[in-house]
């Protein structure tokens, strides 16, 4: 009996989010809130909504299940904890108001969808394509956020670098799902996602060339 209690206590402690993790989360949420709303007294309704959302995040992240659902690529549609993950991502997206915050959020969501597809490949290859489609959508949303007002050159370079790596992973995963990506057109969806956007020619070149180099590194060339 006592042994079982000790085991349960040990398991509960092991899945509890670290203080550093919770501190970083609250800091990011606080910064995102300050960027968007500034002084809360002028927007009492939005402040109350944000406070409830923040409380929901804190509650979920105080539980091991919330951390697992949020971070694990295993948690996809159909998983018992999927509603937790999708809910947390929706709340996180609601705090991403500035162009910089939106670009960061959508780039992170693209990385998450790719991680989910990579996890599913050996288990359920039929479920990889939906993850690729969602990753392509997040790619477009990141580009849109860059166009809307990310003016700092260093920050734009940071996002271009991240997108280049994500693009390489996208192409690699597509190639592993389909025998020949050039014939099946795996390259085209991401090209189409940036048509009509206002990235500079230099940024477009870096996006695709850096992505090619990153993909070569992934393949061990």
Foldseek 3Di string as FASTA:
>chain_A
DVVVVVVVVVVFVVLQDDPVVVVVVVVVLVVLCCVPPPDCVVPVVVVVVLVVLVVVVVVLNRGSLLVCCQPPLCQDPPDPCVVSNVSNLVSLCVSQDALLSQLVSLLVLLVSLLNNLVVCCVPPVVPNVVSLVSSLVSLLSNLVSCQVDPDDPVSLVVSLLSLLLSVLSSQVSVCSSPVDCVVVVSVPSNVVSCPPGDDDPVSVVCSPVSSVVNNCVVVPD
